[in-house]
Amino acid sequence: MKISSRMNFGVETLARLAARNADRPWTVQSLARSIDCSMSFTEGLMAELRKAGLVEAEQGPGSGFYLNRAADRITMAELFRVFAAPHSFDGQLVTPLHQPQSEVDELHGADLLWEALRLHAGA
């Protein structure tokens, strides 16, 4: 299974939003710098995530983006719908990955997620 770069950057962006308190929204400029993408690409990601109801934008002083709900309430199915899910995952639930802690410690950021999806797709 191939994961698009758009999906990868979408997940990385949501992870950064989840790591910050809602009282301090991220600007597009900060997010773009954080995920090492252009402003226009990041603006496109945020527009898709906002349209899907996963993020909200705060206007005015201190403006920026924040998650629309708690991170643990956002599902992979929603992300696949936003970023063109592969047909093989339509209607399927992605189950948590159970690996020894030593293997989990070697995975960073979204790598754990991608490894879980890779293993699920191979099942």
Protein backbone atom coordinates (compact mmCIF):
# COMPACT_ATOMS: atom_id res chain seq x y z
CA MET A 1 0.00 0.00 0.00
CA LYS A 2 1.28 3.44 -0.88
CA ILE A 3 0.58 6.40 1.34
CA SER A 4 0.54 9.70 -0.54
CA SER A 5 2.80 12.51 0.54
CA ARG A 6 -0.34 14.62 0.99
CA MET A 7 -1.69 12.07 3.49
CA ASN A 8 1.65 11.94 5.27
CA PHE A 9 1.83 15.72 5.59
CA GLY A 10 -1.83 15.83 6.65
CA VAL A 11 -1.14 13.44 9.51
CA GLU A 12 2.04 15.31 10.48
CA THR A 13 0.06 18.55 10.53
CA LEU A 14 -2.68 17.06 12.73
CA ALA A 15 -0.04 15.67 15.08
CA ARG A 16 1.43 19.15 15.53
CA LEU A 17 -2.01 20.64 16.10
CA ALA A 18 -2.74 17.95 18.68
CA ALA A 19 0.51 18.63 20.53
CA ARG A 20 -0.35 22.29 21.11
CA ASN A 21 -3.03 23.63 23.41
CA ALA A 22 -6.17 24.96 21.71
CA ASP A 23 -5.50 28.34 23.30
CA ARG A 24 -2.44 28.71 21.06
CA PRO A 25 -3.47 28.02 17.46
CA TRP A 26 -0.87 27.37 14.77
CA THR A 27 -0.45 29.83 11.93
CA VAL A 28 -0.14 28.46 8.41
CA GLN A 29 3.38 29.88 8.29
CA SER A 30 4.40 28.03 11.46
CA LEU A 31 2.82 24.79 10.28
CA ALA A 32 4.50 25.06 6.87
CA ARG A 33 7.87 25.59 8.50
CA SER A 34 7.23 22.74 10.95
CA ILE A 35 6.35 20.17 8.26
CA ASP A 36 8.92 21.62 5.82
CA CYS A 37 6.41 22.45 3.08
CA SER A 38 5.50 25.55 1.14
CA MET A 39 2.88 27.96 2.43
CA SER A 40 0.60 27.26 -0.54
CA PHE A 41 0.79 23.47 -0.02
CA THR A 42 0.09 23.89 3.71
CA GLU A 43 -2.81 26.26 3.01
CA GLY A 44 -4.27 23.57 0.74
CA LEU A 45 -3.92 20.94 3.46
CA MET A 46 -5.59 23.20 5.98
CA ALA A 47 -8.44 23.97 3.58
CA GLU A 48 -9.08 20.24 3.12
CA LEU A 49 -8.90 19.55 6.86
CA ARG A 50 -11.20 22.48 7.59
CA LYS A 51 -13.72 21.39 4.95
CA ALA A 52 -13.74 17.92 6.54
CA GLY A 53 -14.47 19.46 9.94
CA LEU A 54 -11.22 18.30 11.53
CA VAL A 55 -9.77 21.76 12.17
CA GLU A 56 -11.10 25.25 12.75
CA ALA A 57 -9.59 28.61 12.00
CA GLU A 58 -9.49 31.44 14.49
CA GLN A 59 -9.61 34.91 12.96
CA GLY A 60 -8.11 38.14 14.24
CA PRO A 61 -5.16 38.70 16.58
CA GLY A 62 -3.50 35.42 17.48
CA SER A 63 -5.25 33.77 14.54
CA GLY A 64 -4.46 30.30 13.32
CA PHE A 65 -5.68 26.71 13.25
CA TYR A 66 -6.57 24.25 15.97
CA LEU A 67 -8.23 20.83 16.12
CA ASN A 68 -12.01 20.85 16.03
CA ARG A 69 -12.13 18.10 18.67
CA ALA A 70 -9.81 16.01 20.81
CA ALA A 71 -7.15 14.18 18.81
CA ASP A 72 -8.25 10.79 20.14
CA ARG A 73 -11.67 11.41 18.56
CA ILE A 74 -10.23 11.73 15.03
CA THR A 75 -10.18 8.45 13.13
CA MET A 76 -7.96 7.17 10.35
CA ALA A 77 -11.10 6.64 8.27
CA GLU A 78 -11.70 10.40 8.35
CA LEU A 79 -8.15 11.08 7.23
CA PHE A 80 -8.43 8.60 4.37
CA ARG A 81 -11.67 10.25 3.25
CA VAL A 82 -9.94 13.64 3.25
CA PHE A 83 -6.83 12.49 1.42
CA ALA A 84 -8.31 9.98 -1.07
CA ALA A 85 -8.45 6.66 0.73
CA PRO A 86 -7.23 3.60 -1.08
CA HIS A 87 -10.26 1.49 -2.01
CA SER A 88 -8.94 -1.49 -0.06
CA PHE A 89 -9.69 0.37 3.21
CA ASP A 90 -13.26 1.41 2.37
CA GLY A 91 -15.48 0.45 5.26
CA GLN A 92 -12.73 -1.25 7.23
CA LEU A 93 -11.53 -0.30 10.66
CA VAL A 94 -7.81 0.02 11.26
CA THR A 95 -6.95 -1.82 14.46
CA PRO A 96 -4.18 -0.72 16.83
CA LEU A 97 -0.74 -2.14 16.26
CA HIS A 98 0.60 -4.42 18.99
CA GLN A 99 4.38 -4.56 18.87
CA PRO A 100 7.06 -5.14 21.48
CA GLN A 101 8.05 -1.87 23.18
CA SER A 102 11.59 -2.18 21.79
CA GLU A 103 10.20 -2.00 18.23
CA VAL A 104 7.80 0.84 19.07
CA ASP A 105 10.67 2.87 20.55
CA GLU A 106 12.43 2.76 17.18
CA LEU A 107 9.46 4.34 15.38
CA HIS A 108 9.00 8.11 15.44
CA GLY A 109 6.09 10.45 14.73
CA ALA A 110 3.77 9.12 12.07
CA ASP A 111 6.08 6.13 11.42
CA LEU A 112 4.15 4.05 13.95
CA LEU A 113 0.91 4.82 12.16
CA TRP A 114 2.32 3.93 8.75
CA GLU A 115 3.79 0.70 10.07
CA ALA A 116 0.40 -0.26 11.50
CA LEU A 117 -1.29 0.49 8.20
CA ARG A 118 1.37 -1.41 6.24
CA LEU A 119 0.92 -4.47 8.43
CA HIS A 120 -2.88 -4.19 8.24
CA ALA A 121 -2.80 -3.96 4.43
CA GLY A 122 -0.60 -7.05 4.24
CA ALA A 123 -2.98 -9.09 6.44
